N, C-alpha and C. Protein backbone atom coordinates (compact mmCIF):
# COMPACT_ATOMS: atom_id res chain seq x y z
N THR A 1 145.05 -127.50 -213.91
CA THR A 1 144.06 -127.93 -212.95
C THR A 1 144.66 -127.96 -211.55
N LYS A 2 145.85 -128.50 -211.42
CA LYS A 2 146.48 -128.59 -210.10
C LYS A 2 146.71 -127.20 -209.52
N LYS A 3 147.20 -126.26 -210.33
CA LYS A 3 147.45 -124.90 -209.84
C LYS A 3 146.16 -124.26 -209.36
N ALA A 4 145.09 -124.43 -210.12
CA ALA A 4 143.81 -123.84 -209.73
C ALA A 4 143.29 -124.49 -208.46
N MET A 5 143.43 -125.80 -208.34
CA MET A 5 142.95 -126.50 -207.14
C MET A 5 143.75 -126.09 -205.91
N ASP A 6 145.03 -125.82 -206.08
CA ASP A 6 145.87 -125.41 -204.96
C ASP A 6 145.40 -124.07 -204.38
N GLU A 7 144.75 -123.25 -205.19
CA GLU A 7 144.29 -121.95 -204.74
C GLU A 7 142.92 -122.00 -204.07
N LEU A 8 142.24 -123.13 -204.16
CA LEU A 8 140.91 -123.27 -203.56
C LEU A 8 141.00 -123.78 -202.13
N GLU A 9 139.95 -123.50 -201.37
CA GLU A 9 139.85 -124.03 -200.03
C GLU A 9 138.98 -125.28 -200.08
N ALA A 10 139.11 -126.15 -199.08
CA ALA A 10 138.32 -127.38 -199.03
C ALA A 10 136.83 -127.05 -199.18
N GLY A 11 136.16 -127.81 -200.02
CA GLY A 11 134.73 -127.62 -200.25
C GLY A 11 134.41 -126.76 -201.46
N GLN A 12 135.38 -126.00 -201.95
CA GLN A 12 135.14 -125.18 -203.15
C GLN A 12 135.21 -126.07 -204.39
N VAL A 13 134.57 -125.61 -205.47
CA VAL A 13 134.45 -126.41 -206.69
C VAL A 13 135.11 -125.71 -207.87
N LEU A 14 135.86 -126.49 -208.65
CA LEU A 14 136.49 -126.01 -209.87
C LEU A 14 135.76 -126.62 -211.06
N GLU A 15 135.38 -125.79 -212.05
CA GLU A 15 134.73 -126.27 -213.27
C GLU A 15 135.76 -126.31 -214.39
N ILE A 16 135.79 -127.43 -215.10
CA ILE A 16 136.76 -127.62 -216.19
C ILE A 16 136.01 -128.05 -217.44
N HIS A 17 136.38 -127.47 -218.59
CA HIS A 17 135.83 -127.89 -219.88
C HIS A 17 136.98 -128.46 -220.70
N ALA A 18 136.75 -129.59 -221.34
CA ALA A 18 137.80 -130.23 -222.14
C ALA A 18 137.18 -130.88 -223.38
N THR A 19 138.01 -131.06 -224.40
CA THR A 19 137.55 -131.76 -225.60
C THR A 19 138.32 -133.07 -225.80
N ASP A 20 139.33 -133.30 -224.99
CA ASP A 20 140.14 -134.52 -225.08
C ASP A 20 139.46 -135.63 -224.29
N LYS A 21 139.05 -136.69 -224.97
CA LYS A 21 138.35 -137.80 -224.31
C LYS A 21 139.20 -138.44 -223.22
N GLY A 22 140.52 -138.34 -223.32
CA GLY A 22 141.41 -138.89 -222.31
C GLY A 22 141.28 -138.18 -220.96
N ALA A 23 140.69 -137.00 -220.97
CA ALA A 23 140.52 -136.23 -219.74
C ALA A 23 139.63 -136.97 -218.74
N LYS A 24 138.70 -137.78 -219.26
CA LYS A 24 137.81 -138.54 -218.36
C LYS A 24 138.62 -139.38 -217.39
N ASN A 25 139.48 -140.23 -217.92
CA ASN A 25 140.28 -141.12 -217.07
C ASN A 25 141.33 -140.35 -216.28
N ASP A 26 141.96 -139.37 -216.93
CA ASP A 26 143.02 -138.61 -216.26
C ASP A 26 142.49 -137.85 -215.05
N LEU A 27 141.40 -137.12 -215.23
CA LEU A 27 140.85 -136.33 -214.12
C LEU A 27 140.24 -137.21 -213.04
N ALA A 28 139.63 -138.32 -213.44
CA ALA A 28 139.06 -139.24 -212.45
C ALA A 28 140.15 -139.80 -211.55
N ALA A 29 141.25 -140.24 -212.14
CA ALA A 29 142.36 -140.79 -211.36
C ALA A 29 143.00 -139.72 -210.50
N TRP A 30 143.20 -138.53 -211.06
CA TRP A 30 143.84 -137.45 -210.32
C TRP A 30 142.97 -137.02 -209.13
N ALA A 31 141.67 -136.87 -209.35
CA ALA A 31 140.76 -136.44 -208.29
C ALA A 31 140.74 -137.49 -207.16
N LYS A 32 140.69 -138.74 -207.54
CA LYS A 32 140.66 -139.82 -206.54
C LYS A 32 141.93 -139.82 -205.71
N SER A 33 143.07 -139.67 -206.36
CA SER A 33 144.35 -139.71 -205.65
C SER A 33 144.51 -138.53 -204.69
N GLY A 34 143.83 -137.41 -204.99
CA GLY A 34 143.93 -136.23 -204.15
C GLY A 34 142.82 -136.12 -203.12
N GLY A 35 141.90 -137.09 -203.12
CA GLY A 35 140.80 -137.07 -202.17
C GLY A 35 139.70 -136.07 -202.53
N HIS A 36 139.57 -135.77 -203.82
CA HIS A 36 138.57 -134.82 -204.29
C HIS A 36 137.37 -135.56 -204.88
N GLU A 37 136.23 -134.89 -204.94
CA GLU A 37 135.04 -135.46 -205.58
C GLU A 37 134.96 -134.96 -207.01
N LEU A 38 134.53 -135.84 -207.92
CA LEU A 38 134.45 -135.47 -209.34
C LEU A 38 133.06 -135.76 -209.89
N LEU A 39 132.49 -134.78 -210.58
CA LEU A 39 131.26 -134.96 -211.33
C LEU A 39 131.58 -134.60 -212.78
N GLN A 40 130.91 -135.28 -213.73
CA GLN A 40 131.19 -134.97 -215.13
C GLN A 40 129.96 -135.17 -215.99
N THR A 41 129.86 -134.39 -217.06
CA THR A 41 128.82 -134.54 -218.07
C THR A 41 129.48 -134.36 -219.44
N GLU A 42 128.76 -134.75 -220.45
CA GLU A 42 129.26 -134.60 -221.82
C GLU A 42 128.18 -133.90 -222.64
N GLU A 43 128.55 -132.79 -223.26
CA GLU A 43 127.63 -132.04 -224.10
C GLU A 43 128.25 -131.91 -225.49
N GLY A 44 127.84 -132.78 -226.38
CA GLY A 44 128.44 -132.79 -227.72
C GLY A 44 129.89 -133.21 -227.62
N ASP A 45 130.79 -132.37 -228.11
CA ASP A 45 132.23 -132.67 -228.07
C ASP A 45 132.90 -132.15 -226.81
N VAL A 46 132.14 -131.48 -225.95
CA VAL A 46 132.73 -130.86 -224.77
C VAL A 46 132.43 -131.68 -223.52
N LEU A 47 133.48 -132.01 -222.81
CA LEU A 47 133.36 -132.70 -221.52
C LEU A 47 133.41 -131.63 -220.44
N LYS A 48 132.47 -131.70 -219.50
CA LYS A 48 132.46 -130.74 -218.40
C LYS A 48 132.67 -131.50 -217.11
N PHE A 49 133.59 -130.98 -216.30
CA PHE A 49 133.94 -131.60 -215.04
C PHE A 49 133.80 -130.59 -213.91
N TRP A 50 133.41 -131.07 -212.76
CA TRP A 50 133.38 -130.27 -211.55
C TRP A 50 134.15 -131.06 -210.50
N ILE A 51 135.19 -130.46 -209.96
CA ILE A 51 135.99 -131.12 -208.93
C ILE A 51 135.82 -130.34 -207.63
N LYS A 52 135.32 -131.03 -206.61
CA LYS A 52 135.13 -130.43 -205.29
C LYS A 52 136.36 -130.78 -204.47
N LYS A 53 137.05 -129.76 -204.02
CA LYS A 53 138.30 -129.98 -203.27
C LYS A 53 138.00 -130.67 -201.94
N GLY A 54 138.76 -131.73 -201.70
CA GLY A 54 138.60 -132.51 -200.47
C GLY A 54 139.39 -131.96 -199.32
């Protein structure tokens, strides 16, 4: 995730799919610490995240 975000410009969005429930807390904390916006949904066993680079 960090490598992909490093390649984006401010305002661009990265979409992430995960099945690990721990990703919710991990990505939320990481996005907040980096000044990014995070949106998330859950579809069955798949967690979908969108991180907008700050």
